[in-house]
PDB file of N, CA and C in Angstrom:
ATOM      1  N   MET A   1     -14.275  12.158  18.621  1.00  0.00           N
ATOM      2  CA  MET A   1     -14.885  12.865  19.727  1.00  0.00           C
ATOM      3  C   MET A   1     -15.453  14.215  19.270  1.00  0.00           C
ATOM      4  N   LEU A   2     -14.684  14.973  18.508  1.00  0.00           N
ATOM      5  CA  LEU A   2     -15.151  16.276  18.054  1.00  0.00           C
ATOM      6  C   LEU A   2     -16.382  16.128  17.167  1.00  0.00           C
ATOM      7  N   GLY A   3     -16.397  15.114  16.338  1.00  0.00           N
ATOM      8  CA  GLY A   3     -17.553  14.865  15.492  1.00  0.00           C
ATOM      9  C   GLY A   3     -18.809  14.597  16.309  1.00  0.00           C
ATOM     10  N   ASP A   4     -18.663  13.836  17.388  1.00  0.00           N
ATOM     11  CA  ASP A   4     -19.810  13.554  18.271  1.00  0.00           C
ATOM     12  C   ASP A   4     -20.311  14.833  18.945  1.00  0.00           C
ATOM     13  N   ILE A   5     -19.390  15.681  19.340  1.00  0.00           N
ATOM     14  CA  ILE A   5     -19.756  16.944  19.996  1.00  0.00           C
ATOM     15  C   ILE A   5     -20.502  17.836  19.011  1.00  0.00           C
ATOM     16  N   LEU A   6     -19.983  17.940  17.803  1.00  0.00           N
ATOM     17  CA  LEU A   6     -20.640  18.770  16.788  1.00  0.00           C
ATOM     18  C   LEU A   6     -22.009  18.219  16.436  1.00  0.00           C
ATOM     19  N   GLU A   7     -22.117  16.913  16.362  1.00  0.00           N
ATOM     20  CA  GLU A   7     -23.420  16.297  16.083  1.00  0.00           C
ATOM     21  C   GLU A   7     -24.419  16.621  17.188  1.00  0.00           C
ATOM     22  N   ALA A   8     -23.966  16.548  18.436  1.00  0.00           N
ATOM     23  CA  ALA A   8     -24.846  16.857  19.560  1.00  0.00           C
ATOM     24  C   ALA A   8     -25.264  18.324  19.561  1.00  0.00           C
ATOM     25  N   LEU A   9     -24.338  19.216  19.243  1.00  0.00           N
ATOM     26  CA  LEU A   9     -24.645  20.646  19.285  1.00  0.00           C
ATOM     27  C   LEU A   9     -25.453  21.125  18.086  1.00  0.00           C
ATOM     28  N   THR A  10     -25.553  20.333  17.040  1.00  0.00           N
ATOM     29  CA  THR A  10     -26.355  20.734  15.894  1.00  0.00           C
ATOM     30  C   THR A  10     -27.718  20.055  15.874  1.00  0.00           C
ATOM     31  N   ASP A  11     -28.018  19.286  16.896  1.00  0.00           N
ATOM     32  CA  ASP A  11     -29.343  18.695  17.072  1.00  0.00           C
ATOM     33  C   ASP A  11     -30.056  19.482  18.169  1.00  0.00           C
ATOM     34  N   PRO A  12     -31.222  20.050  17.893  1.00  0.00           N
ATOM     35  CA  PRO A  12     -31.878  20.915  18.876  1.00  0.00           C
ATOM     36  C   PRO A  12     -32.127  20.279  20.242  1.00  0.00           C
ATOM     37  N   ILE A  13     -32.474  19.009  20.270  1.00  0.00           N
ATOM     38  CA  ILE A  13     -32.770  18.359  21.554  1.00  0.00           C
ATOM     39  C   ILE A  13     -31.497  18.160  22.370  1.00  0.00           C
ATOM     40  N   THR A  14     -30.488  17.577  21.745  1.00  0.00           N
ATOM     41  CA  THR A  14     -29.259  17.346  22.497  1.00  0.00           C
ATOM     42  C   THR A  14     -28.487  18.632  22.746  1.00  0.00           C
ATOM     43  N   ALA A  15     -28.642  19.618  21.883  1.00  0.00           N
ATOM     44  CA  ALA A  15     -27.956  20.899  22.097  1.00  0.00           C
ATOM     45  C   ALA A  15     -28.400  21.530  23.417  1.00  0.00           C
ATOM     46  N   ALA A  16     -29.688  21.504  23.681  1.00  0.00           N
ATOM     47  CA  ALA A  16     -30.192  22.057  24.945  1.00  0.00           C
ATOM     48  C   ALA A  16     -29.656  21.266  26.137  1.00  0.00           C
ATOM     49  N   GLU A  17     -29.574  19.958  26.006  1.00  0.00           N
ATOM     50  CA  GLU A  17     -29.050  19.110  27.085  1.00  0.00           C
ATOM     51  C   GLU A  17     -27.570  19.383  27.330  1.00  0.00           C
ATOM     52  N   VAL A  18     -26.804  19.480  26.252  1.00  0.00           N
ATOM     53  CA  VAL A  18     -25.366  19.750  26.374  1.00  0.00           C
ATOM     54  C   VAL A  18     -25.146  21.120  26.993  1.00  0.00           C
ATOM     55  N   LEU A  19     -25.907  22.099  26.557  1.00  0.00           N
ATOM     56  CA  LEU A  19     -25.781  23.446  27.107  1.00  0.00           C
ATOM     57  C   LEU A  19     -25.998  23.439  28.612  1.00  0.00           C
ATOM     58  N   THR A  20     -27.020  22.756  29.054  1.00  0.00           N
ATOM     59  CA  THR A  20     -27.328  22.685  30.482  1.00  0.00           C
ATOM     60  C   THR A  20     -26.252  21.930  31.254  1.00  0.00           C
ATOM     61  N   ALA A  21     -25.746  20.862  30.681  1.00  0.00           N
ATOM     62  CA  ALA A  21     -24.801  20.003  31.390  1.00  0.00           C
ATOM     63  C   ALA A  21     -23.382  20.538  31.435  1.00  0.00           C
ATOM     64  N   VAL A  22     -22.953  21.242  30.403  1.00  0.00           N
ATOM     65  CA  VAL A  22     -21.525  21.532  30.267  1.00  0.00           C
ATOM     66  C   VAL A  22     -21.161  23.003  30.313  1.00  0.00           C
ATOM     67  N   SER A  23     -21.992  23.869  29.785  1.00  0.00           N
ATOM     68  CA  SER A  23     -21.562  25.253  29.602  1.00  0.00           C
ATOM     69  C   SER A  23     -21.527  26.050  30.904  1.00  0.00           C
ATOM     70  N   ARG A  24     -20.706  27.089  30.877  1.00  0.00           N
ATOM     71  CA  ARG A  24     -20.603  27.999  32.019  1.00  0.00           C
ATOM     72  C   ARG A  24     -21.897  28.792  32.157  1.00  0.00           C
ATOM     73  N   PRO A  25     -22.267  29.175  33.361  1.00  0.00           N
ATOM     74  CA  PRO A  25     -23.520  29.920  33.562  1.00  0.00           C
ATOM     75  C   PRO A  25     -23.611  31.205  32.749  1.00  0.00           C
ATOM     76  N   GLU A  26     -22.504  31.938  32.603  1.00  0.00           N
ATOM     77  CA  GLU A  26     -22.575  33.212  31.885  1.00  0.00           C
ATOM     78  C   GLU A  26     -22.864  33.019  30.392  1.00  0.00           C
ATOM     79  N   ILE A  27     -22.303  31.993  29.779  1.00  0.00           N
ATOM     80  CA  ILE A  27     -22.604  31.770  28.363  1.00  0.00           C
ATOM     81  C   ILE A  27     -24.008  31.201  28.210  1.00  0.00           C
ATOM     82  N   ARG A  28     -24.413  30.349  29.150  1.00  0.00           N
ATOM     83  CA  ARG A  28     -25.776  29.809  29.111  1.00  0.00           C
ATOM     84  C   ARG A  28     -26.800  30.939  29.203  1.00  0.00           C
ATOM     85  N   GLN A  29     -26.566  31.886  30.081  1.00  0.00           N
ATOM     86  CA  GLN A  29     -27.476  33.021  30.238  1.00  0.00           C
ATOM     87  C   GLN A  29     -27.496  33.869  28.962  1.00  0.00           C
ATOM     88  N   ARG A  30     -26.327  34.110  28.378  1.00  0.00           N
ATOM     89  CA  ARG A  30     -26.253  34.899  27.145  1.00  0.00           C
ATOM     90  C   ARG A  30     -27.027  34.207  26.017  1.00  0.00           C
ATOM     91  N   ILE A  31     -26.905  32.894  25.931  1.00  0.00           N
ATOM     92  CA  ILE A  31     -27.610  32.138  24.896  1.00  0.00           C
ATOM     93  C   ILE A  31     -29.122  32.158  25.144  1.00  0.00           C
ATOM     94  N   GLU A  32     -29.523  31.971  26.378  1.00  0.00           N
ATOM     95  CA  GLU A  32     -30.956  31.983  26.699  1.00  0.00           C
ATOM     96  C   GLU A  32     -31.579  33.338  26.375  1.00  0.00           C
ATOM     97  N   GLN A  33     -30.870  34.410  26.680  1.00  0.00           N
ATOM     98  CA  GLN A  33     -31.386  35.747  26.368  1.00  0.00           C
ATOM     99  C   GLN A  33     -31.473  35.967  24.853  1.00  0.00           C
ATOM    100  N   ALA A  34     -30.455  35.554  24.128  1.00  0.00           N
ATOM    101  CA  ALA A  34     -30.455  35.716  22.675  1.00  0.00           C
ATOM    102  C   ALA A  34     -31.570  34.881  22.033  1.00  0.00           C
ATOM    103  N   ALA A  35     -31.790  33.685  22.535  1.00  0.00           N
ATOM    104  CA  ALA A  35     -32.862  32.833  22.016  1.00  0.00           C
ATOM    105  C   ALA A  35     -34.221  33.477  22.261  1.00  0.00           C
ATOM    106  N   ALA A  36     -34.404  34.068  23.428  1.00  0.00           N
ATOM    107  CA  ALA A  36     -35.671  34.731  23.747  1.00  0.00           C
ATOM    108  C   ALA A  36     -35.927  35.906  22.808  1.00  0.00           C
ATOM    109  N   VAL A  37     -34.883  36.664  22.515  1.00  0.00           N
ATOM    110  CA  VAL A  37     -35.030  37.798  21.598  1.00  0.00           C
ATOM    111  C   VAL A  37     -35.457  37.306  20.210  1.00  0.00           C
ATOM    112  N   GLU A  38     -34.929  36.168  19.795  1.00  0.00           N
ATOM    113  CA  GLU A  38     -35.239  35.602  18.479  1.00  0.00           C
ATOM    114  C   GLU A  38     -36.523  34.764  18.483  1.00  0.00           C
ATOM    115  N   HIS A  39     -37.153  34.622  19.652  1.00  0.00           N
ATOM    116  CA  HIS A  39     -38.374  33.814  19.805  1.00  0.00           C
ATOM    117  C   HIS A  39     -38.152  32.374  19.352  1.00  0.00           C
ATOM    118  N   ARG A  40     -37.028  31.812  19.809  1.00  0.00           N
ATOM    119  CA  ARG A  40     -36.683  30.432  19.470  1.00  0.00           C
ATOM    120  C   ARG A  40     -36.424  29.654  20.751  1.00  0.00           C
ATOM    121  N   ALA A  41     -36.637  28.355  20.681  1.00  0.00           N
ATOM    122  CA  ALA A  41     -36.255  27.475  21.782  1.00  0.00           C
ATOM    123  C   ALA A  41     -34.728  27.481  21.875  1.00  0.00           C
ATOM    124  N   VAL A  42     -34.219  27.335  23.077  1.00  0.00           N
ATOM    125  CA  VAL A  42     -32.765  27.398  23.282  1.00  0.00           C
ATOM    126  C   VAL A  42     -32.041  26.347  22.449  1.00  0.00           C
ATOM    127  N   GLY A  43     -32.505  25.113  22.486  1.00  0.00           N
ATOM    128  CA  GLY A  43     -31.842  24.052  21.722  1.00  0.00           C
ATOM    129  C   GLY A  43     -31.837  24.323  20.229  1.00  0.00           C
ATOM    130  N   GLU A  44     -32.956  24.816  19.718  1.00  0.00           N
ATOM    131  CA  GLU A  44     -33.058  25.159  18.305  1.00  0.00           C
ATOM    132  C   GLU A  44     -32.078  26.280  17.952  1.00  0.00           C
ATOM    133  N   PHE A  45     -31.979  27.280  18.818  1.00  0.00           N
ATOM    134  CA  PHE A  45     -31.094  28.414  18.565  1.00  0.00           C
ATOM    135  C   PHE A  45     -29.626  27.994  18.607  1.00  0.00           C
ATOM    136  N   VAL A  46     -29.266  27.178  19.583  1.00  0.00           N
ATOM    137  CA  VAL A  46     -27.892  26.674  19.659  1.00  0.00           C
ATOM    138  C   VAL A  46     -27.566  25.873  18.406  1.00  0.00           C
ATOM    139  N   ALA A  47     -28.449  24.966  18.017  1.00  0.00           N
ATOM    140  CA  ALA A  47     -28.206  24.134  16.838  1.00  0.00           C
ATOM    141  C   ALA A  47     -28.029  24.991  15.588  1.00  0.00           C
ATOM    142  N   LEU A  48     -28.850  26.014  15.443  1.00  0.00           N
ATOM    143  CA  LEU A  48     -28.763  26.912  14.294  1.00  0.00           C
ATOM    144  C   LEU A  48     -27.425  27.649  14.255  1.00  0.00           C
ATOM    145  N   LYS A  49     -27.026  28.211  15.381  1.00  0.00           N
ATOM    146  CA  LYS A  49     -25.775  28.987  15.433  1.00  0.00           C
ATOM    147  C   LYS A  49     -24.544  28.093  15.285  1.00  0.00           C
ATOM    148  N   VAL A  50     -24.556  26.934  15.922  1.00  0.00           N
ATOM    149  CA  VAL A  50     -23.409  26.025  15.802  1.00  0.00           C
ATOM    150  C   VAL A  50     -23.311  25.494  14.376  1.00  0.00           C
ATOM    151  N   ARG A  51     -24.443  25.204  13.757  1.00  0.00           N
ATOM    152  CA  ARG A  51     -24.433  24.759  12.359  1.00  0.00           C
ATOM    153  C   ARG A  51     -23.792  25.826  11.472  1.00  0.00           C
ATOM    154  N   HIS A  52     -24.062  27.088  11.761  1.00  0.00           N
ATOM    155  CA  HIS A  52     -23.450  28.178  10.995  1.00  0.00           C
ATOM    156  C   HIS A  52     -21.922  28.164  11.173  1.00  0.00           C
ATOM    157  N   VAL A  53     -21.457  27.957  12.391  1.00  0.00           N
ATOM    158  CA  VAL A  53     -20.014  27.883  12.644  1.00  0.00           C
ATOM    159  C   VAL A  53     -19.407  26.700  11.898  1.00  0.00           C
ATOM    160  N   VAL A  54     -20.082  25.559  11.947  1.00  0.00           N
ATOM    161  CA  VAL A  54     -19.580  24.370  11.251  1.00  0.00           C
ATOM    162  C   VAL A  54     -19.496  24.626   9.746  1.00  0.00           C
ATOM    163  N   ASP A  55     -20.523  25.233   9.198  1.00  0.00           N
ATOM    164  CA  ASP A  55     -20.568  25.456   7.750  1.00  0.00           C
ATOM    165  C   ASP A  55     -19.629  26.560   7.273  1.00  0.00           C
ATOM    166  N   HIS A  56     -19.379  27.557   8.125  1.00  0.00           N
ATOM    167  CA  HIS A  56     -18.638  28.730   7.664  1.00  0.00           C
ATOM    168  C   HIS A  56     -17.353  29.019   8.445  1.00  0.00           C
ATOM    169  N   GLY A  57     -17.040  28.205   9.441  1.00  0.00           N
ATOM    170  CA  GLY A  57     -15.858  28.452  10.257  1.00  0.00           C
ATOM    171  C   GLY A  57     -14.568  28.250   9.484  1.00  0.00           C
ATOM    172  N   ASP A  58     -13.595  29.096   9.773  1.00  0.00           N
ATOM    173  CA  ASP A  58     -12.308  28.956   9.101  1.00  0.00           C
ATOM    174  C   ASP A  58     -11.381  28.059   9.926  1.00  0.00           C
ATOM    175  N   ASP A  59     -10.192  27.850   9.408  1.00  0.00           N
ATOM    176  CA  ASP A  59      -9.241  26.957  10.071  1.00  0.00           C
ATOM    177  C   ASP A  59      -8.885  27.418  11.480  1.00  0.00           C
ATOM    178  N   ASP A  60      -8.861  28.724  11.716  1.00  0.00           N
ATOM    179  CA  ASP A  60      -8.505  29.231  13.039  1.00  0.00           C
ATOM    180  C   ASP A  60      -9.466  28.738  14.119  1.00  0.00           C
ATOM    181  N   ILE A  61     -10.735  28.656  13.781  1.00  0.00           N
ATOM    182  CA  ILE A  61     -11.722  28.171  14.752  1.00  0.00           C
ATOM    183  C   ILE A  61     -11.415  26.734  15.138  1.00  0.00           C
ATOM    184  N   TRP A  62     -11.166  25.903  14.158  1.00  0.00           N
ATOM    185  CA  TRP A  62     -10.942  24.478  14.445  1.00  0.00           C
ATOM    186  C   TRP A  62      -9.605  24.248  15.127  1.00  0.00           C
ATOM    187  N   LEU A  63      -8.590  25.029  14.780  1.00  0.00           N
ATOM    188  CA  LEU A  63      -7.311  24.920  15.490  1.00  0.00           C
ATOM    189  C   LEU A  63      -7.477  25.327  16.954  1.00  0.00           C
ATOM    190  N   ASP A  64      -8.269  26.357  17.196  1.00  0.00           N
ATOM    191  CA  ASP A  64      -8.549  26.806  18.555  1.00  0.00           C
ATOM    192  C   ASP A  64      -9.265  25.720  19.352  1.00  0.00           C
ATOM    193  N   VAL A  65     -10.250  25.087  18.741  1.00  0.00           N
ATOM    194  CA  VAL A  65     -11.006  24.035  19.428  1.00  0.00           C
ATOM    195  C   VAL A  65     -10.108  22.841  19.735  1.00  0.00           C
ATOM    196  N   VAL A  66      -9.348  22.399  18.762  1.00  0.00           N
ATOM    197  CA  VAL A  66      -8.465  21.244  18.962  1.00  0.00           C
ATOM    198  C   VAL A  66      -7.390  21.557  19.998  1.00  0.00           C
ATOM    199  N   ALA A  67      -6.847  22.760  19.976  1.00  0.00           N
ATOM    200  CA  ALA A  67      -5.836  23.143  20.978  1.00  0.00           C
ATOM    201  C   ALA A  67      -6.439  23.149  22.382  1.00  0.00           C
ATOM    202  N   ALA A  68      -7.663  23.640  22.510  1.00  0.00           N
ATOM    203  CA  ALA A  68      -8.326  23.642  23.817  1.00  0.00           C
ATOM    204  C   ALA A  68      -8.543  22.218  24.312  1.00  0.00           C
ATOM    205  N   MET A  69      -8.914  21.330  23.399  1.00  0.00           N
ATOM    206  CA  MET A  69      -9.124  19.934  23.772  1.00  0.00           C
ATOM    207  C   MET A  69      -7.812  19.282  24.215  1.00  0.00           C
ATOM    208  N   ALA A  70      -6.741  19.569  23.479  1.00  0.00           N
ATOM    209  CA  ALA A  70      -5.449  18.938  23.769  1.00  0.00           C
ATOM    210  C   ALA A  70      -4.890  19.362  25.121  1.00  0.00           C
ATOM    211  N   GLY A  71      -5.190  20.585  25.529  1.00  0.00           N
ATOM    212  CA  GLY A  71      -4.644  21.091  26.784  1.00  0.00           C
ATOM    213  C   GLY A  71      -5.566  20.954  27.973  1.00  0.00           C
ATOM    214  N   SER A  72      -6.617  20.155  27.845  1.00  0.00           N
ATOM    215  CA  SER A  72      -7.606  20.079  28.916  1.00  0.00           C
ATOM    216  C   SER A  72      -7.748  18.659  29.472  1.00  0.00           C
ATOM    217  N   PRO A  73      -7.954  18.564  30.787  1.00  0.00           N
ATOM    218  CA  PRO A  73      -8.254  17.242  31.349  1.00  0.00           C
ATOM    219  C   PRO A  73      -9.666  16.783  30.987  1.00  0.00           C
ATOM    220  N   GLN A  74     -10.497  17.716  30.520  1.00  0.00           N
ATOM    221  CA  GLN A  74     -11.861  17.405  30.071  1.00  0.00           C
ATOM    222  C   GLN A  74     -12.029  17.939  28.646  1.00  0.00           C
ATOM    223  N   PRO A  75     -11.475  17.231  27.666  1.00  0.00           N
ATOM    224  CA  PRO A  75     -11.455  17.758  26.304  1.00  0.00           C
ATOM    225  C   PRO A  75     -12.843  17.988  25.711  1.00  0.00           C
ATOM    226  N   GLY A  76     -13.801  17.174  26.040  1.00  0.00           N
ATOM    227  CA  GLY A  76     -15.153  17.370  25.520  1.00  0.00           C
ATOM    228  C   GLY A  76     -15.758  18.670  25.999  1.00  0.00           C
ATOM    229  N   ALA A  77     -15.632  18.930  27.279  1.00  0.00           N
ATOM    230  CA  ALA A  77     -16.163  20.173  27.849  1.00  0.00           C
ATOM    231  C   ALA A  77     -15.425  21.381  27.271  1.00  0.00           C
ATOM    232  N   ALA A  78     -14.125  21.249  27.091  1.00  0.00           N
ATOM    233  CA  ALA A  78     -13.340  22.347  26.510  1.00  0.00           C
ATOM    234  C   ALA A  78     -13.794  22.640  25.086  1.00  0.00           C
ATOM    235  N   ALA A  79     -14.061  21.599  24.318  1.00  0.00           N
ATOM    236  CA  ALA A  79     -14.524  21.786  22.943  1.00  0.00           C
ATOM    237  C   ALA A  79     -15.888  22.470  22.913  1.00  0.00           C
ATOM    238  N   VAL A  80     -16.795  22.032  23.773  1.00  0.00           N
ATOM    239  CA  VAL A  80     -18.126  22.647  23.830  1.00  0.00           C
ATOM    240  C   VAL A  80     -18.001  24.124  24.157  1.00  0.00           C
ATOM    241  N   GLU A  81     -17.198  24.455  25.159  1.00  0.00           N
ATOM    242  CA  GLU A  81     -17.028  25.854  25.544  1.00  0.00           C
ATOM    243  C   GLU A  81     -16.494  26.697  24.401  1.00  0.00           C
ATOM    244  N   ARG A  82     -15.483  26.197  23.696  1.00  0.00           N
ATOM    245  CA  ARG A  82     -14.891  26.966  22.598  1.00  0.00           C
ATOM    246  C   ARG A  82     -15.864  27.132  21.439  1.00  0.00           C
ATOM    247  N   ILE A  83     -16.589  26.079  21.108  1.00  0.00           N
ATOM    248  CA  ILE A  83     -17.545  26.162  20.002  1.00  0.00           C
ATOM    249  C   ILE A  83     -18.664  27.137  20.352  1.00  0.00           C
ATOM    250  N   LEU A  84     -19.177  27.043  21.579  1.00  0.00           N
ATOM    251  CA  LEU A  84     -20.241  27.966  21.987  1.00  0.00           C
ATOM    252  C   LEU A  84     -19.731  29.404  22.039  1.00  0.00           C
ATOM    253  N   ALA A  85     -18.490  29.584  22.464  1.00  0.00           N
ATOM    254  CA  ALA A  85     -17.922  30.934  22.498  1.00  0.00           C
ATOM    255  C   ALA A  85     -17.805  31.515  21.083  1.00  0.00           C
ATOM    256  N   ARG A  86     -17.520  30.670  20.110  1.00  0.00           N
ATOM    257  CA  ARG A  86     -17.446  31.133  18.716  1.00  0.00           C
ATOM    258  C   ARG A  86     -18.840  31.391  18.146  1.00  0.00           C
ATOM    259  N   ALA A  87     -19.794  30.548  18.501  1.00  0.00           N
ATOM    260  CA  ALA A  87     -21.158  30.706  17.997  1.00  0.00           C
ATOM    261  C   ALA A  87     -21.886  31.867  18.664  1.00  0.00           C
ATOM    262  N   PHE A  88     -21.525  32.137  19.921  1.00  0.00           N
ATOM    263  CA  PHE A  88     -22.167  33.195  20.705  1.00  0.00           C
ATOM    264  C   PHE A  88     -21.100  34.072  21.350  1.00  0.00           C
ATOM    265  N   PRO A  89     -20.416  34.892  20.554  1.00  0.00           N
ATOM    266  CA  PRO A  89     -19.326  35.713  21.117  1.00  0.00           C
ATOM    267  C   PRO A  89     -19.859  36.767  22.081  1.00  0.00           C
ATOM    268  N   ASP A  90     -18.981  37.183  22.986  1.00  0.00           N
ATOM    269  CA  ASP A  90     -19.339  38.277  23.894  1.00  0.00           C
ATOM    270  C   ASP A  90     -19.688  39.501  23.067  1.00  0.00           C
ATOM    271  N   PRO A  91     -20.718  40.216  23.473  1.00  0.00           N
ATOM    272  CA  PRO A  91     -21.041  41.436  22.733  1.00  0.00           C
ATOM    273  C   PRO A  91     -19.898  42.443  22.853  1.00  0.00           C
ATOM    274  N   VAL A  92     -19.702  43.163  21.799  1.00  0.00           N
ATOM    275  CA  VAL A  92     -18.658  44.186  21.787  1.00  0.00           C
ATOM    276  C   VAL A  92     -19.130  45.357  22.623  1.00  0.00           C
ATOM    277  N   ARG A  93     -18.270  45.791  23.482  1.00  0.00           N
ATOM    278  CA  ARG A  93     -18.600  46.945  24.319  1.00  0.00           C
ATOM    279  C   ARG A  93     -17.750  48.112  23.875  1.00  0.00           C
ATOM    280  N   VAL A  94     -18.421  49.133  23.495  1.00  0.00           N
ATOM    281  CA  VAL A  94     -17.738  50.328  23.005  1.00  0.00           C
ATOM    282  C   VAL A  94     -17.902  51.416  24.048  1.00  0.00           C
ATOM    283  N   ARG A  95     -16.804  52.024  24.393  1.00  0.00           N
ATOM    284  CA  ARG A  95     -16.851  53.115  25.342  1.00  0.00           C
ATOM    285  C   ARG A  95     -16.587  54.404  24.577  1.00  0.00           C
ATOM    286  N   ILE A  96     -17.520  55.291  24.665  1.00  0.00           N
ATOM    287  CA  ILE A  96     -17.389  56.560  23.975  1.00  0.00           C
ATOM    288  C   ILE A  96     -16.987  57.613  25.000  1.00  0.00           C
ATOM    289  N   THR A  97     -15.898  58.264  24.719  1.00  0.00           N
ATOM    290  CA  THR A  97     -15.437  59.325  25.619  1.00  0.00           C
ATOM    291  C   THR A  97     -15.341  60.614  24.811  1.00  0.00           C
ATOM    292  N   ARG A  98     -15.457  61.664  25.516  1.00  0.00           N
ATOM    293  CA  ARG A  98     -15.313  62.971  24.867  1.00  0.00           C
ATOM    294  C   ARG A  98     -13.852  63.375  24.869  1.00  0.00           C
ATOM    295  N   GLY A  99     -13.461  63.881  23.758  1.00  0.00           N
ATOM    296  CA  GLY A  99     -12.102  64.388  23.654  1.00  0.00           C
ATOM    297  C   GLY A  99     -12.051  65.834  24.115  1.00  0.00           C
ATOM    298  N   PRO A 100     -10.886  66.441  24.114  1.00  0.00           N
ATOM    299  CA  PRO A 100     -10.775  67.840  24.489  1.00  0.00           C
ATOM    300  C   PRO A 100     -11.588  68.724  23.528  1.00  0.00           C
ATOM    301  N   SER A 101     -12.205  69.737  24.078  1.00  0.00           N
ATOM    302  CA  SER A 101     -13.034  70.630  23.254  1.00  0.00           C
ATOM    303  C   SER A 101     -12.223  71.689  22.592  1.00  0.00           C
TER     304      SER A 101
END
């Protein structure tokens, strides 16, 4: 099952379909915005980023994905969400405060 999901997410055509069908709106919006900045089609951008995770991901990523699948009534959707979250992490928000003068 995980192999099929990874195959779908690394193909530009099916990646766009999977993104539309399964992902949460907030991650879909983040991906669409990032793709626009890069001047790439959404499916192409997803496939590129997921391929990078597949090629360079460490054991922690795969343990996280498998654990999410094992604890979910919808393991495929859980795997897609975790992989997309790793490929497109939330931007880091830094809050700068002034210290005492």
